[in-house]
Amino acid sequence: MRYAQNRNKLLLIQDIQNIHLEKKEESRGGFSNRFIWREFIYPTYRIAENTYYEYLRTPAKRLLKKLEEQPAQMNLF
C-alpha cells in the first residue's frame, strides 16, 4: 500500500487499529480478525475486508509521528 500522507486518514487507521486491539484483548485472542471486522468495524466505517487488513498492516503511529515532525509549509503571501 502506498501510504498517504493525509493526517485524517492516518487518524482513521489508528482508530481502527485501536478498536482491533481492544476487541482482541477483551476476547483474549478468541475473536478472529474477520469477526472483529464484521461485527465492530464494518457497521461503523463501511470499509471492505481487504482495506481493513491493509489498515492493520499500516504503521499509523510511526507515520503520524513522522508527519508531525515535518516543518509546516510556509505561506506564499
Foldseek 3Di string as FASTA:
>chain_A
DDDDLDLVVLVVLVVLLVQVVVVCVVVVNPDDPVRCCVPPNCVVPVDDPVVSVVSNVDPSVVSNVVSVPDDDDDDPD
